C-alpha atoms as a PDB file:
ATOM      1  CA  MET A   1      38.980  33.381 -48.828  1.00  0.00           C
ATOM      2  CA  SER A   2      36.596  36.153 -47.326  1.00  0.00           C
ATOM      3  CA  THR A   3      35.211  35.178 -43.712  1.00  0.00           C
ATOM      4  CA  HIS A   4      31.550  36.001 -45.133  1.00  0.00           C
ATOM      5  CA  ARG A   5      31.703  33.596 -47.926  1.00  0.00           C
ATOM      6  CA  PRO A   6      30.997  30.349 -46.115  1.00  0.00           C
ATOM      7  CA  GLY A   7      28.220  32.020 -44.475  1.00  0.00           C
ATOM      8  CA  ARG A   8      26.637  32.831 -47.648  1.00  0.00           C
ATOM      9  CA  VAL A   9      27.157  29.569 -49.233  1.00  0.00           C
ATOM     10  CA  VAL A  10      25.494  27.935 -46.182  1.00  0.00           C
ATOM     11  CA  ALA A  11      22.726  30.239 -46.248  1.00  0.00           C
ATOM     12  CA  ALA A  12      22.357  29.758 -50.058  1.00  0.00           C
ATOM     13  CA  VAL A  13      22.400  25.613 -49.281  1.00  0.00           C
ATOM     14  CA  ALA A  14      19.696  26.279 -46.426  1.00  0.00           C
ATOM     15  CA  ARG A  15      17.363  27.909 -48.727  1.00  0.00           C
ATOM     16  CA  PHE A  16      17.414  25.523 -51.456  1.00  0.00           C
ATOM     17  CA  LEU A  17      16.909  22.575 -48.992  1.00  0.00           C
ATOM     18  CA  ASP A  18      13.975  24.959 -47.660  1.00  0.00           C
ATOM     19  CA  LEU A  19      12.706  25.044 -51.200  1.00  0.00           C
ATOM     20  CA  LEU A  20      12.760  21.498 -51.711  1.00  0.00           C
ATOM     21  CA  TRP A  21      11.261  20.834 -48.315  1.00  0.00           C
ATOM     22  CA  SER A  22       8.558  23.581 -48.820  1.00  0.00           C
ATOM     23  CA  SER A  23       7.736  22.172 -52.488  1.00  0.00           C
ATOM     24  CA  GLY A  24       7.165  18.567 -51.077  1.00  0.00           C
ATOM     25  CA  THR A  25       4.940  19.985 -48.250  1.00  0.00           C
ATOM     26  CA  ARG A  26       2.921  22.207 -50.353  1.00  0.00           C
ATOM     27  CA  ALA A  27       2.412  18.724 -52.933  1.00  0.00           C
ATOM     28  CA  ARG A  28       1.710  16.773 -49.995  1.00  0.00           C
ATOM     29  CA  ARG A  29      -0.896  19.030 -48.735  1.00  0.00           C
ATOM     30  CA  ALA A  30      -2.397  19.340 -52.086  1.00  0.00           C
ATOM     31  CA  VAL A  31      -2.842  15.742 -52.398  1.00  0.00           C
ATOM     32  CA  ARG A  32      -4.159  15.557 -49.044  1.00  0.00           C
ATOM     33  CA  GLY A  33      -6.682  17.986 -49.454  1.00  0.00           C
ATOM     34  CA  LEU A  34      -8.089  16.627 -52.785  1.00  0.00           C
ATOM     35  CA  ALA A  35      -8.130  13.138 -51.333  1.00  0.00           C
ATOM     36  CA  SER A  36     -10.027  14.441 -48.052  1.00  0.00           C
ATOM     37  CA  ALA A  37     -12.608  17.062 -49.395  1.00  0.00           C
ATOM     38  CA  SER A  38     -14.827  14.356 -50.648  1.00  0.00           C
ATOM     39  CA  ARG A  39     -15.378  12.774 -47.200  1.00  0.00           C
ATOM     40  CA  PHE A  40     -17.293  15.834 -45.706  1.00  0.00           C
ATOM     41  CA  ALA A  41     -20.828  14.833 -45.550  1.00  0.00           C
ATOM     42  CA  ALA A  42     -21.597  17.894 -47.197  1.00  0.00           C
ATOM     43  CA  ARG A  43     -19.848  20.849 -48.434  1.00  0.00           C
ATOM     44  CA  GLY A  44     -20.577  23.726 -51.075  1.00  0.00           C
ATOM     45  CA  ASP A  45     -18.693  25.662 -53.600  1.00  0.00           C
ATOM     46  CA  ASN A  46     -15.321  27.731 -52.751  1.00  0.00           C
ATOM     47  CA  PHE A  47     -14.619  25.728 -49.633  1.00  0.00           C
ATOM     48  CA  THR A  48     -11.341  26.195 -48.348  1.00  0.00           C
ATOM     49  CA  PHE A  49     -10.056  23.880 -45.565  1.00  0.00           C
ATOM     50  CA  ASP A  50      -6.482  22.749 -43.822  1.00  0.00           C
ATOM     51  CA  PRO A  51      -5.730  19.150 -44.649  1.00  0.00           C
ATOM     52  CA  ASP A  52      -3.730  19.012 -41.419  1.00  0.00           C
ATOM     53  CA  GLY A  53      -6.690  20.037 -39.341  1.00  0.00           C
ATOM     54  CA  VAL A  54      -8.375  17.465 -37.490  1.00  0.00           C
ATOM     55  CA  TYR A  55     -11.979  16.304 -38.901  1.00  0.00           C
ATOM     56  CA  THR A  56     -14.650  13.629 -38.157  1.00  0.00           C
ATOM     57  CA  TYR A  57     -15.486  14.339 -42.057  1.00  0.00           C
ATOM     58  CA  GLU A  58     -18.712  12.347 -42.217  1.00  0.00           C
ATOM     59  CA  THR A  59     -20.420  14.550 -39.411  1.00  0.00           C
ATOM     60  CA  ILE A  60     -19.259  17.837 -40.726  1.00  0.00           C
ATOM     61  CA  GLU A  61     -21.720  19.877 -42.848  1.00  0.00           C
ATOM     62  CA  VAL A  62     -20.277  22.888 -44.549  1.00  0.00           C
ATOM     63  CA  GLY A  63     -21.966  25.707 -46.890  1.00  0.00           C
ATOM     64  CA  ARG A  64     -20.547  28.010 -49.870  1.00  0.00           C
ATOM     65  CA  ASN A  65     -17.696  30.171 -49.450  1.00  0.00           C
ATOM     66  CA  VAL A  66     -16.263  28.710 -46.148  1.00  0.00           C
ATOM     67  CA  ASP A  67     -12.768  28.980 -45.061  1.00  0.00           C
ATOM     68  CA  LEU A  68     -11.920  26.729 -42.013  1.00  0.00           C
ATOM     69  CA  GLY A  69      -8.680  28.666 -41.370  1.00  0.00           C
ATOM     70  CA  HIS A  70      -5.351  27.095 -40.277  1.00  0.00           C
ATOM     71  CA  ARG A  71      -5.455  23.646 -38.157  1.00  0.00           C
ATOM     72  CA  PRO A  72      -8.730  23.442 -36.769  1.00  0.00           C
ATOM     73  CA  VAL A  73     -10.162  20.487 -34.544  1.00  0.00           C
ATOM     74  CA  ILE A  74     -13.505  19.887 -35.689  1.00  0.00           C
ATOM     75  CA  MET A  75     -14.917  16.820 -34.193  1.00  0.00           C
ATOM     76  CA  ALA A  76     -18.463  15.140 -33.350  1.00  0.00           C
ATOM     77  CA  ALA A  77     -18.440  11.205 -33.050  1.00  0.00           C
ATOM     78  CA  ARG A  78     -22.258  10.969 -33.616  1.00  0.00           C
ATOM     79  CA  SER A  79     -23.798  14.493 -33.461  1.00  0.00           C
ATOM     80  CA  ARG A  80     -23.668  16.979 -36.694  1.00  0.00           C
ATOM     81  CA  ILE A  81     -21.752  19.943 -36.903  1.00  0.00           C
ATOM     82  CA  ARG A  82     -23.222  22.356 -39.441  1.00  0.00           C
ATOM     83  CA  ILE A  83     -21.616  25.400 -40.885  1.00  0.00           C
ATOM     84  CA  GLY A  84     -23.441  27.696 -43.008  1.00  0.00           C
ATOM     85  CA  ASP A  85     -22.503  29.995 -46.072  1.00  0.00           C
ATOM     86  CA  ASN A  86     -19.733  32.994 -45.954  1.00  0.00           C
ATOM     87  CA  VAL A  87     -18.282  31.638 -42.792  1.00  0.00           C
ATOM     88  CA  MET A  88     -14.578  32.173 -41.902  1.00  0.00           C
ATOM     89  CA  PHE A  89     -12.202  30.921 -38.726  1.00  0.00           C
ATOM     90  CA  GLY A  90      -9.251  31.943 -37.584  1.00  0.00           C
ATOM     91  CA  PRO A  91      -6.624  29.682 -37.096  1.00  0.00           C
ATOM     92  CA  GLU A  92      -6.666  26.918 -34.596  1.00  0.00           C
ATOM     93  CA  VAL A  93     -10.604  27.085 -33.957  1.00  0.00           C
ATOM     94  CA  THR A  94     -11.906  23.837 -31.964  1.00  0.00           C
ATOM     95  CA  ILE A  95     -15.497  22.771 -32.243  1.00  0.00           C
ATOM     96  CA  ARG A  96     -16.521  19.775 -30.552  1.00  0.00           C
ATOM     97  CA  GLY A  97     -20.152  18.036 -30.598  1.00  0.00           C
ATOM     98  CA  GLY A  98     -21.034  15.386 -28.200  1.00  0.00           C
ATOM     99  CA  ASN A  99     -19.860  15.114 -24.492  1.00  0.00           C
ATOM    100  CA  HIS A 100     -18.569  12.585 -22.065  1.00  0.00           C
ATOM    101  CA  ARG A 101     -20.583  11.177 -19.008  1.00  0.00           C
ATOM    102  CA  ILE A 102     -19.070  12.076 -15.719  1.00  0.00           C
ATOM    103  CA  ASP A 103     -21.742  10.763 -13.257  1.00  0.00           C
ATOM    104  CA  GLN A 104     -21.094   7.073 -13.378  1.00  0.00           C
ATOM    105  CA  VAL A 105     -20.051   5.631  -9.756  1.00  0.00           C
ATOM    106  CA  GLY A 106     -17.423   3.091  -9.719  1.00  0.00           C
ATOM    107  CA  ALA A 107     -16.017   3.346 -12.994  1.00  0.00           C
ATOM    108  CA  PRO A 108     -13.155   5.648 -14.497  1.00  0.00           C
ATOM    109  CA  MET A 109     -14.552   8.335 -16.800  1.00  0.00           C
ATOM    110  CA  ILE A 110     -12.696   6.651 -19.785  1.00  0.00           C
ATOM    111  CA  ALA A 111     -14.432   3.520 -19.531  1.00  0.00           C
ATOM    112  CA  VAL A 112     -18.034   4.866 -19.440  1.00  0.00           C
ATOM    113  CA  GLY A 113     -19.552   4.077 -22.445  1.00  0.00           C
ATOM    114  CA  LYS A 114     -22.860   5.615 -24.044  1.00  0.00           C
ATOM    115  CA  ARG A 115     -26.365   4.591 -23.958  1.00  0.00           C
ATOM    116  CA  PRO A 116     -28.803   4.891 -26.631  1.00  0.00           C
ATOM    117  CA  SER A 117     -30.705   7.182 -24.204  1.00  0.00           C
ATOM    118  CA  ASP A 118     -27.609   9.560 -23.865  1.00  0.00           C
ATOM    119  CA  GLU A 119     -28.635  11.631 -26.753  1.00  0.00           C
ATOM    120  CA  ALA A 120     -28.597  14.672 -24.900  1.00  0.00           C
ATOM    121  CA  LEU A 121     -24.731  13.921 -24.319  1.00  0.00           C
ATOM    122  CA  ASP A 122     -24.338  14.111 -28.068  1.00  0.00           C
ATOM    123  CA  ARG A 123     -25.745  17.393 -28.951  1.00  0.00           C
ATOM    124  CA  GLY A 124     -24.422  19.149 -32.362  1.00  0.00           C
ATOM    125  CA  VAL A 125     -23.161  22.442 -33.403  1.00  0.00           C
ATOM    126  CA  THR A 126     -24.777  24.901 -35.719  1.00  0.00           C
ATOM    127  CA  ILE A 127     -23.079  27.981 -36.940  1.00  0.00           C
ATOM    128  CA  GLY A 128     -25.182  30.298 -39.152  1.00  0.00           C
ATOM    129  CA  ASP A 129     -24.188  32.185 -42.197  1.00  0.00           C
ATOM    130  CA  ASP A 130     -21.712  35.068 -42.487  1.00  0.00           C
ATOM    131  CA  VAL A 131     -20.264  34.257 -38.989  1.00  0.00           C
ATOM    132  CA  TRP A 132     -16.320  35.054 -37.925  1.00  0.00           C
ATOM    133  CA  VAL A 133     -14.990  32.725 -35.322  1.00  0.00           C
ATOM    134  CA  GLY A 134     -11.412  34.345 -34.058  1.00  0.00           C
ATOM    135  CA  THR A 135      -8.430  32.491 -33.316  1.00  0.00           C
ATOM    136  CA  ARG A 136      -8.467  29.392 -30.959  1.00  0.00           C
ATOM    137  CA  ALA A 137     -12.051  30.172 -29.936  1.00  0.00           C
ATOM    138  CA  VAL A 138     -13.455  26.878 -28.601  1.00  0.00           C
ATOM    139  CA  ILE A 139     -17.138  25.794 -29.314  1.00  0.00           C
ATOM    140  CA  LEU A 140     -18.903  22.853 -27.560  1.00  0.00           C
ATOM    141  CA  HIS A 141     -21.741  20.850 -27.935  1.00  0.00           C
ATOM    142  CA  GLY A 142     -25.213  22.319 -28.127  1.00  0.00           C
ATOM    143  CA  VAL A 143     -24.147  25.539 -29.536  1.00  0.00           C
ATOM    144  CA  THR A 144     -26.245  27.465 -32.215  1.00  0.00           C
ATOM    145  CA  ILE A 145     -24.213  30.479 -33.361  1.00  0.00           C
ATOM    146  CA  GLY A 146     -26.680  32.863 -35.029  1.00  0.00           C
ATOM    147  CA  ARG A 147     -26.257  34.413 -38.364  1.00  0.00           C
ATOM    148  CA  GLY A 148     -23.815  37.482 -38.629  1.00  0.00           C
ATOM    149  CA  ALA A 149     -22.203  37.079 -35.193  1.00  0.00           C
ATOM    150  CA  VAL A 150     -18.568  37.436 -34.304  1.00  0.00           C
ATOM    151  CA  ILE A 151     -16.689  35.244 -31.796  1.00  0.00           C
ATOM    152  CA  GLY A 152     -13.816  36.879 -30.033  1.00  0.00           C
ATOM    153  CA  ALA A 153     -10.289  35.001 -30.259  1.00  0.00           C
ATOM    154  CA  GLY A 154      -9.651  32.520 -27.382  1.00  0.00           C
ATOM    155  CA  SER A 155     -13.590  32.313 -26.418  1.00  0.00           C
ATOM    156  CA  VAL A 156     -14.959  29.419 -25.115  1.00  0.00           C
ATOM    157  CA  VAL A 157     -18.588  29.224 -26.326  1.00  0.00           C
ATOM    158  CA  THR A 158     -20.900  27.026 -24.020  1.00  0.00           C
ATOM    159  CA  ARG A 159     -24.410  28.527 -24.767  1.00  0.00           C
ATOM    160  CA  PRO A 160     -26.261  29.767 -27.973  1.00  0.00           C
ATOM    161  CA  VAL A 161     -24.827  33.415 -29.623  1.00  0.00           C
ATOM    162  CA  PRO A 162     -27.904  35.483 -31.155  1.00  0.00           C
ATOM    163  CA  PRO A 163     -27.343  36.630 -34.619  1.00  0.00           C
ATOM    164  CA  TYR A 164     -25.537  39.716 -35.218  1.00  0.00           C
ATOM    165  CA  ALA A 165     -23.914  39.630 -31.674  1.00  0.00           C
ATOM    166  CA  VAL A 166     -20.269  39.947 -30.821  1.00  0.00           C
ATOM    167  CA  ALA A 167     -19.486  37.529 -27.824  1.00  0.00           C
ATOM    168  CA  ALA A 168     -16.187  36.928 -26.272  1.00  0.00           C
ATOM    169  CA  GLY A 169     -14.585  35.311 -23.079  1.00  0.00           C
ATOM    170  CA  ASN A 170     -14.474  32.189 -21.225  1.00  0.00           C
ATOM    171  CA  PRO A 171     -17.182  31.320 -20.959  1.00  0.00           C
ATOM    172  CA  ALA A 172     -18.196  33.657 -23.772  1.00  0.00           C
ATOM    173  CA  ARG A 173     -20.712  36.348 -23.398  1.00  0.00           C
ATOM    174  CA  LEU A 174     -22.612  38.950 -25.340  1.00  0.00           C
ATOM    175  CA  ILE A 175     -20.447  41.915 -25.812  1.00  0.00           C
ATOM    176  CA  ARG A 176     -22.696  44.103 -27.850  1.00  0.00           C
ATOM    177  CA  LEU A 177     -24.622  43.814 -31.104  1.00  0.00           C
ATOM    178  CA  ARG A 178     -22.889  44.805 -34.392  1.00  0.00           C
ATOM    179  CA  TRP A 179     -25.246  47.307 -35.376  1.00  0.00           C
ATOM    180  CA  PRO A 180     -28.629  48.757 -34.349  1.00  0.00           C
ATOM    181  CA  VAL A 181     -31.480  46.672 -34.865  1.00  0.00           C
ATOM    182  CA  GLU A 182     -32.696  49.281 -37.700  1.00  0.00           C
ATOM    183  CA  THR A 183     -29.266  48.726 -39.278  1.00  0.00           C
ATOM    184  CA  ILE A 184     -29.463  44.911 -39.162  1.00  0.00           C
ATOM    185  CA  ILE A 185     -32.770  45.041 -40.894  1.00  0.00           C
ATOM    186  CA  SER A 186     -31.269  46.988 -43.745  1.00  0.00           C
ATOM    187  CA  HIS A 187     -28.295  44.779 -43.814  1.00  0.00           C
ATOM    188  CA  GLU A 188     -30.613  41.759 -44.273  1.00  0.00           C
ATOM    189  CA  GLN A 189     -33.049  43.154 -46.858  1.00  0.00           C
ATOM    190  CA  GLN A 190     -29.769  44.091 -48.805  1.00  0.00           C
ATOM    191  CA  LEU A 191     -28.531  40.293 -48.664  1.00  0.00           C
ATOM    192  CA  TYR A 192     -31.486  37.868 -47.955  1.00  0.00           C
ATOM    193  CA  SER A 193     -34.810  37.263 -49.813  1.00  0.00           C
ATOM    194  CA  PRO A 194     -38.113  37.835 -47.731  1.00  0.00           C
ATOM    195  CA  GLU A 195     -38.327  34.412 -46.175  1.00  0.00           C
ATOM    196  CA  GLN A 196     -34.600  34.209 -45.457  1.00  0.00           C
ATOM    197  CA  ARG A 197     -34.769  37.439 -43.058  1.00  0.00           C
ATOM    198  CA  LEU A 198     -35.004  37.604 -39.294  1.00  0.00           C
ATOM    199  CA  THR A 199     -38.562  37.556 -38.206  1.00  0.00           C
ATOM    200  CA  PRO A 200     -40.227  40.416 -36.450  1.00  0.00           C
ATOM    201  CA  ALA A 201     -40.059  38.193 -33.041  1.00  0.00           C
ATOM    202  CA  GLU A 202     -36.103  37.533 -33.660  1.00  0.00           C
ATOM    203  CA  LEU A 203     -35.532  41.373 -34.397  1.00  0.00           C
ATOM    204  CA  ALA A 204     -37.768  42.070 -31.323  1.00  0.00           C
ATOM    205  CA  ALA A 205     -35.509  39.914 -29.233  1.00  0.00           C
ATOM    206  CA  LEU A 206     -32.050  41.586 -30.412  1.00  0.00           C
ATOM    207  CA  ALA A 207     -33.613  44.916 -29.691  1.00  0.00           C
ATOM    208  CA  ASP A 208     -34.192  43.378 -26.008  1.00  0.00           C
ATOM    209  CA  LEU A 209     -30.562  42.583 -25.723  1.00  0.00           C
ATOM    210  CA  ALA A 210     -29.321  45.779 -26.918  1.00  0.00           C
ATOM    211  CA  GLY A 211     -31.252  47.363 -24.054  1.00  0.00           C
ATOM    212  CA  SER A 212     -33.347  49.505 -26.435  1.00  0.00           C
ATOM    213  CA  GLU A 213     -36.976  50.675 -25.841  1.00  0.00           C
ATOM    214  CA  THR A 214     -37.601  50.785 -29.247  1.00  0.00           C
ATOM    215  CA  ARG A 215     -38.783  48.193 -31.680  1.00  0.00           C
ATOM    216  CA  PRO A 216     -38.551  47.682 -35.661  1.00  0.00           C
ATOM    217  CA  THR A 217     -40.706  49.980 -37.074  1.00  0.00           C
ATOM    218  CA  SER A 218     -43.383  47.433 -38.493  1.00  0.00           C
ATOM    219  CA  ALA A 219     -43.253  43.888 -39.015  1.00  0.00           C
ATOM    220  CA  VAL A 220     -43.866  44.919 -42.863  1.00  0.00           C
ATOM    221  CA  ALA A 221     -40.590  46.932 -42.979  1.00  0.00           C
ATOM    222  CA  ALA A 222     -39.051  43.960 -41.568  1.00  0.00           C
ATOM    223  CA  ARG A 223     -40.039  41.497 -44.068  1.00  0.00           C
ATOM    224  CA  ARG A 224     -40.170  43.726 -46.980  1.00  0.00           C
END
């Protein structure tokens, strides 16, 4: 008998067993996904999530056309995590609403409870529309990520990120804007109704971030 035949047989059996295992895993994930989807506080159409992720479902609101990526951890015990429309996550993103007190003398931190007055420790997270969050980024409580922003892989976001900003690092910092402000205006005009677009004040703030000495041509142009 050929010395190669046992190898081929073993490989065929392994492929068959792998197929059975994969089929069972896919079926389990599909069932778990169907059972879990309705637990989110709110969700829009075309919403994709990994049922093997970790979620505090009842405190998470998700918009339309959102993909939460592979195995995220999205948790907030009492605060809210709000995710807008057209948002995509890379694998293993972590979002944490809330925090722990570390100022209590004479007690281990794990034993320190929260009082009703501790709302400042339970701030939520808001992610605007059209945001891309890279692989294994961490977004902490109190953070708002503006519309159109990009968060680099592995970033730790501890403070707000402006609209259309590219932010990265630990802690995350502004790297640049995706486009010049005039291009952002054009982009907004193509995607959003006048009442949804960034205001002239918001656009002027972006121009300051970009270090530009110019401002949007006019308030009318920004809202037209």
